[in-house]
Amino acid sequence: MPTTKEIFEKINDSLSSDPAKAAGINAVYQFNLTGEDEGVYQVVLRPDGAYAVEGQPESSNCTLEMAASDFKDMVEGKLNGTAAFMSGKLKVNGDMGLALRLQTVLQSYTA
């Protein structure tokens, strides 16, 4: 299984090679991941460019907090984002509408 950092590097590579997958979304998502392989990462989606980065260089529109292991399951399609939220595995601060759109974006990059 890839590390959290490797997953975000892959997301960054995918955003760089095919930014159209994030078309129509203008947002900064922050991931506060806890537990084993923890870290803070951002996925920045903008019309003029999109990328993923470790750390928090920008202020976020939507912050997601969850265990790194649950994040990996969500990215791999083993854990539905809505189910994670309803069960308390995922906490969302900020724009819920953006959070709902994120699952589609993440899966398109990691497929």
C-alpha atoms as a PDB file:
ATOM      1  CA  MET A   1       0.000   0.000   0.000  1.00  0.00           C
ATOM      2  CA  PRO A   2       1.399   3.436  -0.867  1.00  0.00           C
ATOM      3  CA  THR A   3       2.204   5.952   1.835  1.00  0.00           C
ATOM      4  CA  THR A   4       0.043   9.027   2.328  1.00  0.00           C
ATOM      5  CA  LYS A   5       2.776  11.146   0.765  1.00  0.00           C
ATOM      6  CA  GLU A   6       2.907   8.860  -2.302  1.00  0.00           C
ATOM      7  CA  ILE A   7      -0.867   9.125  -2.723  1.00  0.00           C
ATOM      8  CA  PHE A   8      -0.709  12.935  -2.707  1.00  0.00           C
ATOM      9  CA  GLU A   9       2.258  12.852  -5.123  1.00  0.00           C
ATOM     10  CA  LYS A  10       0.164  10.719  -7.482  1.00  0.00           C
ATOM     11  CA  ILE A  11      -2.774  13.114  -7.127  1.00  0.00           C
ATOM     12  CA  ASN A  12      -0.398  15.993  -7.917  1.00  0.00           C
ATOM     13  CA  ASP A  13       0.958  14.204 -10.996  1.00  0.00           C
ATOM     14  CA  SER A  14      -2.583  13.502 -12.215  1.00  0.00           C
ATOM     15  CA  LEU A  15      -3.666  17.099 -11.645  1.00  0.00           C
ATOM     16  CA  SER A  16      -0.661  18.316 -13.598  1.00  0.00           C
ATOM     17  CA  SER A  17      -1.254  15.979 -16.536  1.00  0.00           C
ATOM     18  CA  ASP A  18      -5.055  16.309 -16.743  1.00  0.00           C
ATOM     19  CA  PRO A  19      -6.405  19.397 -14.935  1.00  0.00           C
ATOM     20  CA  ALA A  20      -9.739  19.093 -16.795  1.00  0.00           C
ATOM     21  CA  LYS A  21     -10.878  16.443 -14.285  1.00  0.00           C
ATOM     22  CA  ALA A  22     -11.203  19.200 -11.684  1.00  0.00           C
ATOM     23  CA  ALA A  23     -12.955  21.632 -14.033  1.00  0.00           C
ATOM     24  CA  GLY A  24     -15.628  23.714 -12.383  1.00  0.00           C
ATOM     25  CA  ILE A  25     -14.165  23.416  -8.884  1.00  0.00           C
ATOM     26  CA  ASN A  26     -12.305  26.382  -7.442  1.00  0.00           C
ATOM     27  CA  ALA A  27     -11.263  25.362  -3.953  1.00  0.00           C
ATOM     28  CA  VAL A  28      -8.506  24.511  -1.505  1.00  0.00           C
ATOM     29  CA  TYR A  29      -9.025  21.239   0.350  1.00  0.00           C
ATOM     30  CA  GLN A  30      -6.935  20.558   3.434  1.00  0.00           C
ATOM     31  CA  PHE A  31      -6.449  17.056   4.807  1.00  0.00           C
ATOM     32  CA  ASN A  32      -5.456  16.709   8.456  1.00  0.00           C
ATOM     33  CA  LEU A  33      -4.556  13.033   8.660  1.00  0.00           C
ATOM     34  CA  THR A  34      -3.898  11.367  11.997  1.00  0.00           C
ATOM     35  CA  GLY A  35      -2.488   8.081  13.245  1.00  0.00           C
ATOM     36  CA  GLU A  36       0.115   6.026  11.461  1.00  0.00           C
ATOM     37  CA  ASP A  37       1.479   7.855   8.379  1.00  0.00           C
ATOM     38  CA  GLU A  38      -0.101  11.143   9.541  1.00  0.00           C
ATOM     39  CA  GLY A  39       0.394  14.489   7.851  1.00  0.00           C
ATOM     40  CA  VAL A  40      -1.182  17.682   6.583  1.00  0.00           C
ATOM     41  CA  TYR A  41      -1.772  18.019   2.840  1.00  0.00           C
ATOM     42  CA  GLN A  42      -3.678  20.310   0.515  1.00  0.00           C
ATOM     43  CA  VAL A  43      -5.312  19.746  -2.846  1.00  0.00           C
ATOM     44  CA  VAL A  44      -5.681  23.072  -4.659  1.00  0.00           C
ATOM     45  CA  LEU A  45      -8.130  23.150  -7.574  1.00  0.00           C
ATOM     46  CA  ARG A  46      -8.216  26.322  -9.657  1.00  0.00           C
ATOM     47  CA  PRO A  47      -9.038  27.170 -13.282  1.00  0.00           C
ATOM     48  CA  ASP A  48      -5.456  28.365 -13.842  1.00  0.00           C
ATOM     49  CA  GLY A  49      -3.831  25.297 -12.323  1.00  0.00           C
ATOM     50  CA  ALA A  50      -4.316  22.532  -9.818  1.00  0.00           C
ATOM     51  CA  TYR A  51      -1.891  20.716  -7.557  1.00  0.00           C
ATOM     52  CA  ALA A  52      -1.451  18.743  -4.349  1.00  0.00           C
ATOM     53  CA  VAL A  53       1.163  19.645  -1.746  1.00  0.00           C
ATOM     54  CA  GLU A  54       2.354  18.632   1.696  1.00  0.00           C
ATOM     55  CA  GLY A  55       1.756  21.280   4.369  1.00  0.00           C
ATOM     56  CA  GLN A  56      -0.698  24.162   4.363  1.00  0.00           C
ATOM     57  CA  PRO A  57       0.573  26.990   2.173  1.00  0.00           C
ATOM     58  CA  GLU A  58      -2.924  28.365   1.527  1.00  0.00           C
ATOM     59  CA  SER A  59      -6.074  28.949   3.567  1.00  0.00           C
ATOM     60  CA  SER A  60      -8.568  26.178   2.903  1.00  0.00           C
ATOM     61  CA  ASN A  61     -12.240  26.300   1.886  1.00  0.00           C
ATOM     62  CA  CYS A  62     -12.844  22.799   3.186  1.00  0.00           C
ATOM     63  CA  THR A  63     -10.846  20.916   5.847  1.00  0.00           C
ATOM     64  CA  LEU A  64     -11.168  17.181   6.271  1.00  0.00           C
ATOM     65  CA  GLU A  65      -9.924  15.367   9.351  1.00  0.00           C
ATOM     66  CA  MET A  66      -9.579  11.605   9.438  1.00  0.00           C
ATOM     67  CA  ALA A  67      -7.182   8.759  10.139  1.00  0.00           C
ATOM     68  CA  ALA A  68      -4.612   8.233   7.393  1.00  0.00           C
ATOM     69  CA  SER A  69      -5.711   4.585   7.102  1.00  0.00           C
ATOM     70  CA  ASP A  70      -9.332   5.659   6.493  1.00  0.00           C
ATOM     71  CA  PHE A  71      -8.153   8.203   3.906  1.00  0.00           C
ATOM     72  CA  LYS A  72      -6.315   5.435   2.037  1.00  0.00           C
ATOM     73  CA  ASP A  73      -9.440   3.275   2.114  1.00  0.00           C
ATOM     74  CA  MET A  74     -11.509   6.189   0.799  1.00  0.00           C
ATOM     75  CA  VAL A  75      -9.081   6.862  -2.054  1.00  0.00           C
ATOM     76  CA  GLU A  76      -9.075   3.175  -3.002  1.00  0.00           C
ATOM     77  CA  GLY A  77     -12.882   3.093  -3.019  1.00  0.00           C
ATOM     78  CA  LYS A  78     -13.105   0.770   0.000  1.00  0.00           C
ATOM     79  CA  LEU A  79     -14.699   3.487   2.151  1.00  0.00           C
ATOM     80  CA  ASN A  80     -17.438   5.779   0.902  1.00  0.00           C
ATOM     81  CA  GLY A  81     -16.898   9.404   1.911  1.00  0.00           C
ATOM     82  CA  THR A  82     -20.510   9.879   2.963  1.00  0.00           C
ATOM     83  CA  ALA A  83     -20.433   6.686   5.048  1.00  0.00           C
ATOM     84  CA  ALA A  84     -17.156   7.821   6.643  1.00  0.00           C
ATOM     85  CA  PHE A  85     -18.734  11.155   7.546  1.00  0.00           C
ATOM     86  CA  MET A  86     -21.919   9.593   8.926  1.00  0.00           C
ATOM     87  CA  SER A  87     -19.957   7.103  11.051  1.00  0.00           C
ATOM     88  CA  GLY A  88     -17.698   9.818  12.483  1.00  0.00           C
ATOM     89  CA  LYS A  89     -14.534   8.623  10.727  1.00  0.00           C
ATOM     90  CA  LEU A  90     -14.459  11.846   8.706  1.00  0.00           C
ATOM     91  CA  LYS A  91     -14.924  15.327  10.120  1.00  0.00           C
ATOM     92  CA  VAL A  92     -15.527  18.204   7.703  1.00  0.00           C
ATOM     93  CA  ASN A  93     -15.080  21.897   8.458  1.00  0.00           C
ATOM     94  CA  GLY A  94     -16.036  24.472   5.872  1.00  0.00           C
ATOM     95  CA  ASP A  95     -17.988  24.078   2.657  1.00  0.00           C
ATOM     96  CA  MET A  96     -19.953  20.796   2.742  1.00  0.00           C
ATOM     97  CA  GLY A  97     -20.851  21.143  -0.932  1.00  0.00           C
ATOM     98  CA  LEU A  98     -17.164  21.017  -1.803  1.00  0.00           C
ATOM     99  CA  ALA A  99     -16.678  17.999   0.435  1.00  0.00           C
ATOM    100  CA  LEU A 100     -19.392  16.126  -1.456  1.00  0.00           C
ATOM    101  CA  ARG A 101     -17.635  16.774  -4.771  1.00  0.00           C
ATOM    102  CA  LEU A 102     -14.275  15.603  -3.510  1.00  0.00           C
ATOM    103  CA  GLN A 103     -14.892  11.843  -3.656  1.00  0.00           C
ATOM    104  CA  THR A 104     -15.371  11.978  -7.427  1.00  0.00           C
ATOM    105  CA  VAL A 105     -12.236  14.063  -7.877  1.00  0.00           C
ATOM    106  CA  LEU A 106     -10.071  11.780  -5.704  1.00  0.00           C
ATOM    107  CA  GLN A 107     -11.235   8.590  -7.355  1.00  0.00           C
ATOM    108  CA  SER A 108     -10.647   9.958 -10.837  1.00  0.00           C
ATOM    109  CA  TYR A 109      -7.017  10.615  -9.911  1.00  0.00           C
ATOM    110  CA  THR A 110      -6.229   7.360  -8.226  1.00  0.00           C
ATOM    111  CA  ALA A 111      -8.025   4.980 -10.562  1.00  0.00           C
END
